[in-house]
N, C-alpha and C. Protein backbone atom coordinates (compact mmCIF):
# COMPACT_ATOMS: atom_id res chain seq x y z
N MET A 1 21.87 -125.16 -85.75
CA MET A 1 22.27 -123.84 -85.30
C MET A 1 22.72 -123.94 -83.84
N ILE A 2 23.80 -123.26 -83.55
CA ILE A 2 24.34 -123.20 -82.19
C ILE A 2 23.87 -121.90 -81.55
N ILE A 3 23.36 -121.99 -80.32
CA ILE A 3 22.98 -120.79 -79.56
C ILE A 3 23.65 -120.88 -78.20
N ASN A 4 24.40 -119.85 -77.85
CA ASN A 4 25.08 -119.78 -76.55
C ASN A 4 24.77 -118.45 -75.89
N ARG A 5 24.80 -118.46 -74.56
CA ARG A 5 24.63 -117.23 -73.79
C ARG A 5 25.78 -117.14 -72.80
N ARG A 6 26.43 -115.98 -72.80
CA ARG A 6 27.55 -115.74 -71.89
C ARG A 6 27.35 -114.38 -71.23
N TRP A 7 28.06 -114.15 -70.15
CA TRP A 7 28.03 -112.86 -69.47
C TRP A 7 29.40 -112.23 -69.61
N ALA A 8 29.42 -110.91 -69.82
CA ALA A 8 30.68 -110.16 -69.87
C ALA A 8 30.37 -108.69 -69.66
N MET A 9 31.35 -107.97 -69.15
CA MET A 9 31.22 -106.53 -69.00
C MET A 9 31.04 -105.89 -70.37
N PRO A 10 30.22 -104.83 -70.46
CA PRO A 10 30.06 -104.14 -71.75
C PRO A 10 31.31 -103.34 -72.11
N ASN A 11 31.47 -103.10 -73.40
CA ASN A 11 32.57 -102.28 -73.87
C ASN A 11 32.15 -101.70 -75.21
N LYS A 12 32.39 -100.42 -75.42
CA LYS A 12 31.99 -99.83 -76.71
C LYS A 12 32.79 -100.42 -77.86
N TRP A 13 33.92 -101.03 -77.58
CA TRP A 13 34.70 -101.72 -78.60
C TRP A 13 34.30 -103.19 -78.56
N THR A 14 33.25 -103.51 -79.30
CA THR A 14 32.60 -104.82 -79.28
C THR A 14 33.58 -105.98 -79.36
N PHE A 15 34.59 -105.87 -80.20
CA PHE A 15 35.48 -107.00 -80.45
C PHE A 15 36.45 -107.28 -79.30
N THR A 16 36.44 -106.43 -78.27
CA THR A 16 37.28 -106.69 -77.09
C THR A 16 36.52 -107.43 -75.99
N ILE A 17 35.22 -107.57 -76.14
CA ILE A 17 34.41 -108.29 -75.15
C ILE A 17 34.77 -109.77 -75.25
N LYS A 18 35.21 -110.35 -74.14
CA LYS A 18 35.83 -111.68 -74.15
C LYS A 18 35.07 -112.75 -74.94
N PRO A 19 33.78 -113.01 -74.70
CA PRO A 19 33.13 -114.07 -75.48
C PRO A 19 33.03 -113.76 -76.97
N ILE A 20 32.93 -112.47 -77.31
CA ILE A 20 32.88 -112.09 -78.72
C ILE A 20 34.26 -112.24 -79.35
N LYS A 21 35.29 -111.85 -78.62
CA LYS A 21 36.66 -112.01 -79.10
C LYS A 21 36.97 -113.49 -79.36
N GLU A 22 36.50 -114.35 -78.47
CA GLU A 22 36.72 -115.80 -78.64
C GLU A 22 35.99 -116.33 -79.88
N LEU A 23 34.75 -115.87 -80.09
CA LEU A 23 34.00 -116.28 -81.27
C LEU A 23 34.72 -115.82 -82.54
N LEU A 24 35.17 -114.58 -82.55
CA LEU A 24 35.87 -114.06 -83.71
C LEU A 24 37.14 -114.86 -84.01
N SER A 25 37.85 -115.26 -82.98
CA SER A 25 39.08 -116.01 -83.22
C SER A 25 38.79 -117.36 -83.89
N ARG A 26 37.63 -117.94 -83.60
CA ARG A 26 37.25 -119.22 -84.22
C ARG A 26 36.91 -119.05 -85.70
N TYR A 27 36.26 -117.96 -86.06
CA TYR A 27 35.81 -117.77 -87.43
C TYR A 27 36.77 -116.94 -88.29
N VAL A 28 37.32 -115.89 -87.72
CA VAL A 28 38.09 -114.93 -88.50
C VAL A 28 39.56 -115.30 -88.59
N GLY A 29 40.09 -115.95 -87.57
CA GLY A 29 41.51 -116.32 -87.57
C GLY A 29 42.39 -115.10 -87.72
N ASP A 30 43.27 -115.13 -88.72
CA ASP A 30 44.20 -114.01 -88.92
C ASP A 30 43.59 -112.85 -89.70
N GLY A 31 42.32 -112.97 -90.10
CA GLY A 31 41.61 -111.88 -90.75
C GLY A 31 41.79 -111.77 -92.25
N VAL A 32 42.66 -112.59 -92.83
CA VAL A 32 42.89 -112.51 -94.27
C VAL A 32 41.60 -112.83 -95.01
N GLY A 33 41.24 -111.95 -95.95
CA GLY A 33 40.04 -112.13 -96.75
C GLY A 33 38.78 -111.60 -96.08
N TRP A 34 38.93 -110.95 -94.93
CA TRP A 34 37.78 -110.39 -94.20
C TRP A 34 37.73 -108.88 -94.38
N ILE A 35 36.49 -108.35 -94.42
CA ILE A 35 36.26 -106.91 -94.53
C ILE A 35 35.44 -106.44 -93.33
N ASP A 36 35.56 -105.15 -93.03
CA ASP A 36 34.81 -104.57 -91.91
C ASP A 36 34.47 -103.13 -92.24
N PRO A 37 33.19 -102.86 -92.61
CA PRO A 37 32.80 -101.49 -92.99
C PRO A 37 32.62 -100.53 -91.81
N PHE A 38 32.54 -101.04 -90.58
CA PHE A 38 32.36 -100.20 -89.39
C PHE A 38 33.42 -100.58 -88.35
N ALA A 39 34.68 -100.57 -88.71
CA ALA A 39 35.74 -101.20 -87.93
C ALA A 39 35.99 -100.60 -86.55
N GLY A 40 35.89 -99.31 -86.39
CA GLY A 40 36.21 -98.73 -85.09
C GLY A 40 37.62 -99.10 -84.67
N MET A 41 37.74 -99.70 -83.49
CA MET A 41 39.03 -100.13 -82.96
C MET A 41 39.02 -101.66 -82.84
N ASN A 42 40.16 -102.27 -82.94
CA ASN A 42 40.36 -103.69 -82.62
C ASN A 42 39.73 -104.67 -83.60
N SER A 43 39.48 -104.27 -84.82
CA SER A 43 38.92 -105.20 -85.80
C SER A 43 39.99 -106.17 -86.27
N PRO A 44 39.66 -107.47 -86.29
CA PRO A 44 40.63 -108.44 -86.81
C PRO A 44 40.60 -108.57 -88.34
N ALA A 45 39.72 -107.84 -89.02
CA ALA A 45 39.60 -107.95 -90.48
C ALA A 45 40.83 -107.39 -91.18
N GLU A 46 41.12 -107.94 -92.35
CA GLU A 46 42.24 -107.48 -93.16
C GLU A 46 41.98 -106.11 -93.78
N ILE A 47 40.76 -105.88 -94.29
CA ILE A 47 40.44 -104.63 -94.97
C ILE A 47 39.38 -103.91 -94.14
N THR A 48 39.77 -102.78 -93.58
CA THR A 48 38.92 -102.10 -92.61
C THR A 48 38.55 -100.69 -93.05
N ASN A 49 37.41 -100.24 -92.52
CA ASN A 49 36.89 -98.91 -92.81
C ASN A 49 36.24 -98.35 -91.56
N ASP A 50 36.41 -97.07 -91.34
CA ASP A 50 35.67 -96.38 -90.29
C ASP A 50 35.57 -94.92 -90.69
N LEU A 51 34.42 -94.34 -90.48
CA LEU A 51 34.20 -92.94 -90.83
C LEU A 51 35.17 -92.00 -90.10
N ASN A 52 35.53 -92.36 -88.89
CA ASN A 52 36.41 -91.53 -88.07
C ASN A 52 37.85 -91.61 -88.59
N PRO A 53 38.42 -90.50 -89.03
CA PRO A 53 39.78 -90.53 -89.55
C PRO A 53 40.85 -90.83 -88.49
N ASP A 54 40.47 -90.80 -87.22
CA ASP A 54 41.42 -91.12 -86.15
C ASP A 54 41.49 -92.62 -85.85
N ARG A 55 40.65 -93.41 -86.49
CA ARG A 55 40.67 -94.86 -86.26
C ARG A 55 41.73 -95.51 -87.14
N PRO A 56 42.35 -96.59 -86.66
CA PRO A 56 43.43 -97.25 -87.41
C PRO A 56 42.88 -98.17 -88.51
N THR A 57 42.27 -97.57 -89.52
CA THR A 57 41.68 -98.35 -90.61
C THR A 57 42.28 -97.91 -91.95
N LYS A 58 42.12 -98.78 -92.95
CA LYS A 58 42.65 -98.47 -94.28
C LYS A 58 41.83 -97.38 -94.97
N TYR A 59 40.51 -97.42 -94.78
CA TYR A 59 39.61 -96.45 -95.40
C TYR A 59 38.86 -95.66 -94.34
N HIS A 60 38.44 -94.44 -94.72
CA HIS A 60 37.63 -93.58 -93.84
C HIS A 60 36.47 -93.03 -94.66
N LEU A 61 35.57 -93.93 -95.01
CA LEU A 61 34.45 -93.60 -95.89
C LEU A 61 33.12 -93.97 -95.25
N HIS A 62 32.04 -93.46 -95.82
CA HIS A 62 30.71 -93.94 -95.47
C HIS A 62 30.72 -95.43 -95.80
N ALA A 63 30.05 -96.26 -95.01
CA ALA A 63 30.07 -97.71 -95.20
C ALA A 63 29.65 -98.12 -96.62
N GLU A 64 28.64 -97.47 -97.17
CA GLU A 64 28.19 -97.82 -98.53
C GLU A 64 29.27 -97.53 -99.56
N ASP A 65 29.97 -96.41 -99.42
CA ASP A 65 31.04 -96.08 -100.36
C ASP A 65 32.17 -97.11 -100.27
N PHE A 66 32.52 -97.46 -99.05
CA PHE A 66 33.54 -98.49 -98.83
C PHE A 66 33.12 -99.81 -99.48
N LEU A 67 31.88 -100.23 -99.24
CA LEU A 67 31.42 -101.51 -99.77
C LEU A 67 31.30 -101.48 -101.29
N ASN A 68 30.99 -100.34 -101.88
CA ASN A 68 30.98 -100.25 -103.34
C ASN A 68 32.38 -100.50 -103.91
N ILE A 69 33.41 -100.00 -103.25
CA ILE A 69 34.79 -100.27 -103.67
C ILE A 69 35.07 -101.77 -103.56
N ILE A 70 34.65 -102.36 -102.46
CA ILE A 70 34.86 -103.80 -102.22
C ILE A 70 34.13 -104.63 -103.28
N VAL A 71 32.89 -104.29 -103.56
CA VAL A 71 32.10 -105.04 -104.55
C VAL A 71 32.75 -104.94 -105.93
N ASP A 72 33.31 -103.78 -106.26
CA ASP A 72 33.98 -103.61 -107.56
C ASP A 72 35.18 -104.55 -107.71
N ARG A 73 35.75 -104.98 -106.59
CA ARG A 73 36.89 -105.93 -106.64
C ARG A 73 36.44 -107.35 -106.90
N GLY A 74 35.14 -107.63 -106.76
CA GLY A 74 34.63 -108.99 -106.98
C GLY A 74 34.20 -109.63 -105.68
N ASN A 75 33.41 -110.70 -105.78
CA ASN A 75 32.88 -111.33 -104.56
C ASN A 75 33.76 -112.50 -104.13
N ASP A 76 34.99 -112.17 -103.81
CA ASP A 76 35.93 -113.21 -103.41
C ASP A 76 36.34 -113.12 -101.95
N PHE A 77 35.58 -112.38 -101.15
CA PHE A 77 35.96 -112.20 -99.76
C PHE A 77 35.45 -113.36 -98.90
N THR A 78 36.24 -113.74 -97.93
CA THR A 78 35.94 -114.85 -97.03
C THR A 78 34.83 -114.50 -96.06
N GLY A 79 34.88 -113.27 -95.54
CA GLY A 79 33.91 -112.89 -94.54
C GLY A 79 33.82 -111.40 -94.31
N CYS A 80 32.79 -111.02 -93.56
CA CYS A 80 32.55 -109.62 -93.23
C CYS A 80 32.13 -109.51 -91.77
N LEU A 81 32.66 -108.52 -91.10
CA LEU A 81 32.21 -108.15 -89.76
C LEU A 81 31.26 -106.98 -89.93
N PHE A 82 30.06 -107.13 -89.40
CA PHE A 82 29.02 -106.10 -89.54
C PHE A 82 28.61 -105.65 -88.15
N ASP A 83 29.24 -104.58 -87.68
CA ASP A 83 29.01 -104.06 -86.33
C ASP A 83 28.72 -102.56 -86.41
N PRO A 84 27.57 -102.20 -87.04
CA PRO A 84 27.23 -100.78 -87.17
C PRO A 84 26.71 -100.22 -85.85
N PRO A 85 26.51 -98.91 -85.78
CA PRO A 85 25.84 -98.35 -84.60
C PRO A 85 24.49 -99.05 -84.41
N TYR A 86 24.13 -99.32 -83.16
CA TYR A 86 22.94 -100.12 -82.85
C TYR A 86 21.65 -99.31 -82.75
N SER A 87 21.75 -98.01 -82.56
CA SER A 87 20.56 -97.20 -82.33
C SER A 87 20.66 -95.89 -83.11
N PRO A 88 19.53 -95.20 -83.28
CA PRO A 88 19.58 -93.88 -83.93
C PRO A 88 20.53 -92.92 -83.20
N HIS A 89 20.55 -92.99 -81.88
CA HIS A 89 21.44 -92.12 -81.10
C HIS A 89 22.91 -92.40 -81.44
N GLN A 90 23.27 -93.69 -81.46
CA GLN A 90 24.65 -94.05 -81.80
C GLN A 90 24.99 -93.65 -83.24
N THR A 91 24.04 -93.83 -84.15
CA THR A 91 24.26 -93.47 -85.54
C THR A 91 24.49 -91.96 -85.67
N LYS A 92 23.67 -91.19 -84.98
CA LYS A 92 23.80 -89.73 -85.04
C LYS A 92 25.17 -89.31 -84.50
N GLU A 93 25.59 -89.89 -83.39
CA GLU A 93 26.91 -89.57 -82.84
C GLU A 93 28.01 -89.92 -83.83
N CYS A 94 27.90 -91.07 -84.46
CA CYS A 94 28.91 -91.55 -85.40
C CYS A 94 29.05 -90.62 -86.60
N TYR A 95 27.93 -90.27 -87.22
CA TYR A 95 27.97 -89.54 -88.47
C TYR A 95 28.03 -88.03 -88.31
N GLU A 96 27.17 -87.47 -87.49
CA GLU A 96 27.12 -86.02 -87.41
C GLU A 96 28.37 -85.43 -86.78
N GLY A 97 29.08 -86.23 -86.03
CA GLY A 97 30.35 -85.76 -85.47
C GLY A 97 31.40 -85.52 -86.54
N PHE A 98 31.17 -86.03 -87.75
CA PHE A 98 32.13 -85.86 -88.83
C PHE A 98 31.54 -85.06 -89.98
N GLY A 99 30.49 -84.29 -89.68
CA GLY A 99 29.91 -83.40 -90.67
C GLY A 99 29.03 -84.07 -91.70
N ILE A 100 28.62 -85.31 -91.45
CA ILE A 100 27.74 -86.01 -92.38
C ILE A 100 26.35 -86.05 -91.77
N ASN A 101 25.38 -85.53 -92.50
CA ASN A 101 24.01 -85.54 -92.00
C ASN A 101 23.44 -86.96 -92.05
N MET A 102 22.85 -87.37 -90.95
CA MET A 102 22.24 -88.69 -90.88
C MET A 102 21.05 -88.75 -91.82
N LYS A 103 21.00 -89.80 -92.63
CA LYS A 103 19.89 -90.01 -93.55
C LYS A 103 18.99 -91.10 -92.99
N TYR A 104 17.78 -91.17 -93.49
CA TYR A 104 16.80 -92.17 -93.07
C TYR A 104 17.39 -93.58 -93.12
N GLU A 105 18.07 -93.91 -94.21
CA GLU A 105 18.60 -95.27 -94.38
C GLU A 105 19.82 -95.55 -93.51
N ASP A 106 20.41 -94.50 -92.91
CA ASP A 106 21.54 -94.69 -92.01
C ASP A 106 21.11 -95.05 -90.60
N ASP A 107 19.84 -94.98 -90.34
CA ASP A 107 19.31 -95.26 -89.02
C ASP A 107 19.17 -96.78 -88.87
N GLY A 108 19.83 -97.34 -87.87
CA GLY A 108 19.81 -98.78 -87.64
C GLY A 108 18.41 -99.37 -87.58
N ARG A 109 17.41 -98.59 -87.18
CA ARG A 109 16.04 -99.10 -87.13
C ARG A 109 15.50 -99.38 -88.51
N HIS A 110 16.07 -98.80 -89.52
CA HIS A 110 15.59 -98.98 -90.88
C HIS A 110 16.45 -99.98 -91.64
N GLY A 111 17.25 -100.72 -90.89
CA GLY A 111 17.84 -101.94 -91.39
C GLY A 111 19.14 -101.91 -92.14
N TRP A 112 19.71 -100.75 -92.39
CA TRP A 112 20.95 -100.72 -93.16
C TRP A 112 20.79 -101.59 -94.42
N SER A 113 19.62 -101.56 -95.07
CA SER A 113 19.33 -102.52 -96.14
C SER A 113 20.32 -102.44 -97.32
N LYS A 114 20.68 -101.25 -97.75
CA LYS A 114 21.64 -101.16 -98.86
C LYS A 114 23.01 -101.71 -98.43
N THR A 115 23.40 -101.43 -97.21
CA THR A 115 24.67 -101.95 -96.69
C THR A 115 24.64 -103.47 -96.66
N ARG A 116 23.54 -104.05 -96.19
CA ARG A 116 23.41 -105.51 -96.15
C ARG A 116 23.49 -106.11 -97.56
N ALA A 117 22.83 -105.48 -98.52
CA ALA A 117 22.86 -105.97 -99.90
C ALA A 117 24.28 -105.95 -100.46
N LEU A 118 25.03 -104.89 -100.17
CA LEU A 118 26.41 -104.80 -100.64
C LEU A 118 27.30 -105.84 -99.98
N ILE A 119 27.07 -106.11 -98.70
CA ILE A 119 27.83 -107.16 -98.02
C ILE A 119 27.58 -108.50 -98.71
N SER A 120 26.33 -108.79 -99.02
CA SER A 120 25.99 -110.03 -99.71
C SER A 120 26.71 -110.12 -101.05
N GLU A 121 26.77 -109.02 -101.78
CA GLU A 121 27.47 -109.00 -103.07
C GLU A 121 28.97 -109.22 -102.91
N ALA A 122 29.54 -108.70 -101.83
CA ALA A 122 30.98 -108.77 -101.63
C ALA A 122 31.47 -110.17 -101.26
N LEU A 123 30.59 -110.96 -100.66
CA LEU A 123 31.02 -112.28 -100.19
C LEU A 123 30.78 -113.36 -101.23
N GLY A 124 31.77 -114.21 -101.40
CA GLY A 124 31.64 -115.34 -102.31
C GLY A 124 30.82 -116.44 -101.66
N GLY A 125 30.64 -117.55 -102.40
CA GLY A 125 29.93 -118.70 -101.87
C GLY A 125 30.58 -119.19 -100.59
N ASN A 126 29.77 -119.58 -99.63
CA ASN A 126 30.22 -120.01 -98.30
C ASN A 126 30.85 -118.90 -97.48
N GLY A 127 30.72 -117.64 -97.92
CA GLY A 127 31.23 -116.52 -97.14
C GLY A 127 30.51 -116.43 -95.81
N ILE A 128 31.19 -115.91 -94.82
CA ILE A 128 30.65 -115.78 -93.47
C ILE A 128 30.45 -114.31 -93.15
N CYS A 129 29.31 -113.97 -92.56
CA CYS A 129 29.10 -112.63 -92.04
C CYS A 129 28.80 -112.75 -90.55
N ILE A 130 29.51 -111.98 -89.76
CA ILE A 130 29.29 -111.93 -88.32
C ILE A 130 28.73 -110.56 -88.00
N SER A 131 27.44 -110.54 -87.62
CA SER A 131 26.74 -109.29 -87.33
C SER A 131 26.57 -109.12 -85.83
N CYS A 132 26.78 -107.90 -85.36
CA CYS A 132 26.61 -107.59 -83.94
C CYS A 132 25.52 -106.53 -83.82
N GLY A 133 24.73 -106.64 -82.77
CA GLY A 133 23.68 -105.66 -82.54
C GLY A 133 22.74 -106.09 -81.44
N TRP A 134 21.50 -105.59 -81.51
CA TRP A 134 20.48 -105.92 -80.52
C TRP A 134 19.42 -106.85 -81.09
N ASN A 135 19.72 -107.48 -82.24
CA ASN A 135 18.78 -108.43 -82.84
C ASN A 135 19.57 -109.47 -83.64
N THR A 136 18.85 -110.45 -84.19
CA THR A 136 19.50 -111.51 -84.97
C THR A 136 19.19 -111.38 -86.46
N VAL A 137 18.88 -110.19 -86.93
CA VAL A 137 18.52 -110.01 -88.33
C VAL A 137 19.65 -110.44 -89.27
N GLY A 138 20.88 -110.06 -88.96
CA GLY A 138 22.00 -110.43 -89.81
C GLY A 138 21.84 -109.90 -91.22
N ILE A 139 22.35 -110.64 -92.20
CA ILE A 139 22.24 -110.24 -93.60
C ILE A 139 20.93 -110.78 -94.17
N GLY A 140 20.55 -111.98 -93.79
CA GLY A 140 19.22 -112.47 -94.09
C GLY A 140 19.08 -113.54 -95.14
N LYS A 141 18.05 -114.32 -94.96
CA LYS A 141 17.72 -115.43 -95.85
C LYS A 141 17.46 -114.95 -97.28
N LYS A 142 16.79 -113.82 -97.43
CA LYS A 142 16.48 -113.30 -98.78
C LYS A 142 17.74 -112.93 -99.55
N ARG A 143 18.83 -112.75 -98.85
CA ARG A 143 20.09 -112.44 -99.51
C ARG A 143 20.99 -113.68 -99.60
N GLY A 144 20.42 -114.85 -99.31
CA GLY A 144 21.14 -116.11 -99.49
C GLY A 144 21.92 -116.60 -98.29
N PHE A 145 21.63 -116.10 -97.10
CA PHE A 145 22.38 -116.49 -95.90
C PHE A 145 21.53 -117.35 -94.97
N GLU A 146 22.20 -118.24 -94.25
CA GLU A 146 21.52 -118.99 -93.20
C GLU A 146 22.32 -118.84 -91.91
N ILE A 147 21.60 -118.81 -90.79
CA ILE A 147 22.24 -118.63 -89.48
C ILE A 147 22.94 -119.93 -89.08
N VAL A 148 24.20 -119.77 -88.65
CA VAL A 148 25.01 -120.89 -88.20
C VAL A 148 25.11 -120.88 -86.67
N GLU A 149 25.26 -119.69 -86.10
CA GLU A 149 25.48 -119.57 -84.66
C GLU A 149 24.97 -118.23 -84.17
N ILE A 150 24.44 -118.24 -82.95
CA ILE A 150 24.03 -117.01 -82.27
C ILE A 150 24.69 -117.00 -80.89
N LEU A 151 25.31 -115.88 -80.56
CA LEU A 151 25.90 -115.69 -79.24
C LEU A 151 25.19 -114.52 -78.58
N LEU A 152 24.57 -114.78 -77.43
CA LEU A 152 23.94 -113.73 -76.63
C LEU A 152 24.92 -113.37 -75.52
N VAL A 153 25.29 -112.11 -75.44
CA VAL A 153 26.21 -111.68 -74.39
C VAL A 153 25.46 -110.73 -73.47
N SER A 154 25.15 -111.23 -72.29
CA SER A 154 24.49 -110.43 -71.28
C SER A 154 25.50 -109.51 -70.62
N HIS A 155 25.07 -108.26 -70.38
CA HIS A 155 25.95 -107.30 -69.72
C HIS A 155 25.34 -106.84 -68.39
N GLY A 156 24.34 -107.55 -67.92
CA GLY A 156 23.71 -107.19 -66.66
C GLY A 156 22.44 -106.40 -66.87
N ILE A 157 21.75 -106.15 -65.77
CA ILE A 157 20.41 -105.57 -65.82
C ILE A 157 20.36 -104.16 -66.39
N GLY A 158 21.43 -103.40 -66.29
CA GLY A 158 21.42 -102.01 -66.76
C GLY A 158 21.78 -101.83 -68.22
N HIS A 159 22.03 -102.93 -68.94
CA HIS A 159 22.49 -102.83 -70.33
C HIS A 159 21.75 -103.82 -71.23
N ASN A 160 21.57 -103.44 -72.49
CA ASN A 160 21.06 -104.40 -73.47
C ASN A 160 22.11 -105.47 -73.72
N ASP A 161 21.66 -106.68 -74.03
CA ASP A 161 22.58 -107.73 -74.46
C ASP A 161 23.19 -107.33 -75.80
N THR A 162 24.38 -107.82 -76.06
CA THR A 162 24.95 -107.75 -77.41
C THR A 162 24.67 -109.10 -78.04
N ILE A 163 24.08 -109.08 -79.22
CA ILE A 163 23.74 -110.31 -79.91
C ILE A 163 24.62 -110.43 -81.14
N VAL A 164 25.32 -111.56 -81.23
CA VAL A 164 26.22 -111.82 -82.35
C VAL A 164 25.60 -112.93 -83.19
N THR A 165 25.37 -112.65 -84.47
CA THR A 165 24.77 -113.61 -85.38
C THR A 165 25.79 -113.98 -86.45
N VAL A 166 26.10 -115.26 -86.53
CA VAL A 166 27.03 -115.76 -87.54
C VAL A 166 26.21 -116.42 -88.64
N GLU A 167 26.41 -115.95 -89.87
CA GLU A 167 25.68 -116.50 -91.01
C GLU A 167 26.65 -116.96 -92.09
N LYS A 168 26.20 -117.94 -92.85
CA LYS A 168 26.97 -118.46 -93.97
C LYS A 168 26.17 -118.23 -95.25
N LYS A 169 26.86 -117.78 -96.29
CA LYS A 169 26.20 -117.57 -97.58
C LYS A 169 26.05 -118.94 -98.27
N VAL A 170 24.80 -119.32 -98.48
CA VAL A 170 24.54 -120.63 -99.07
C VAL A 170 23.95 -120.53 -100.47
N ASN A 171 23.57 -119.32 -100.88
CA ASN A 171 22.96 -119.13 -102.18
C ASN A 171 23.37 -117.77 -102.70
N ASN A 172 23.87 -117.71 -103.92
CA ASN A 172 24.34 -116.45 -104.49
C ASN A 172 23.27 -115.65 -105.22
N THR A 173 22.06 -116.18 -105.30
CA THR A 173 21.00 -115.42 -105.99
C THR A 173 19.80 -115.26 -105.09
N LEU A 174 19.05 -114.23 -105.36
CA LEU A 174 17.81 -114.00 -104.63
C LEU A 174 16.68 -114.88 -105.16
N ASP A 175 16.84 -115.43 -106.36
CA ASP A 175 15.78 -116.20 -107.01
C ASP A 175 15.25 -117.35 -106.15
N ALA A 176 16.11 -117.95 -105.36
CA ALA A 176 15.69 -119.10 -104.55
C ALA A 176 14.66 -118.71 -103.51
N TYR A 177 14.56 -117.42 -103.18
CA TYR A 177 13.68 -116.99 -102.10
C TYR A 177 12.53 -116.11 -102.57
N ILE A 178 12.39 -115.94 -103.87
CA ILE A 178 11.34 -115.06 -104.39
C ILE A 178 10.20 -115.90 -104.94
């Protein structure tokens, strides 16, 4: 596993932060075969979704609804960018601003577990998931993923670090971990 720490100014558009943008260019390339359920702005993924209808994405759905569409297409995707709101406050701003009441499972503290399970279903063998947030939970070992790389991006004393976890799908079944 590779672990790096870099410093960069914070930006609400995670993918524009220089060390994160560099990491994405190494893994995502031109974005073909990549999905992003929380795309916001500047996502390099080919198939993008954001709840905000003003964002330049293909879909404007709740992340679970978007991922259900993706899963119905089959698990042939190369990778997924997973950059949901990091806190209950960010989640509330994201959803309630568009008339959707925040649910218990939409709160980042409760793990986005259904969203993570759908991401695992959407990715084929050796699929890559790049998760951004304040922890290294990622999609997880129980869903068949192993951590390949962690990037810690410090933004200075007044801000939380952004933690980027790169995982590779090494097992398509949960049986190996039960």
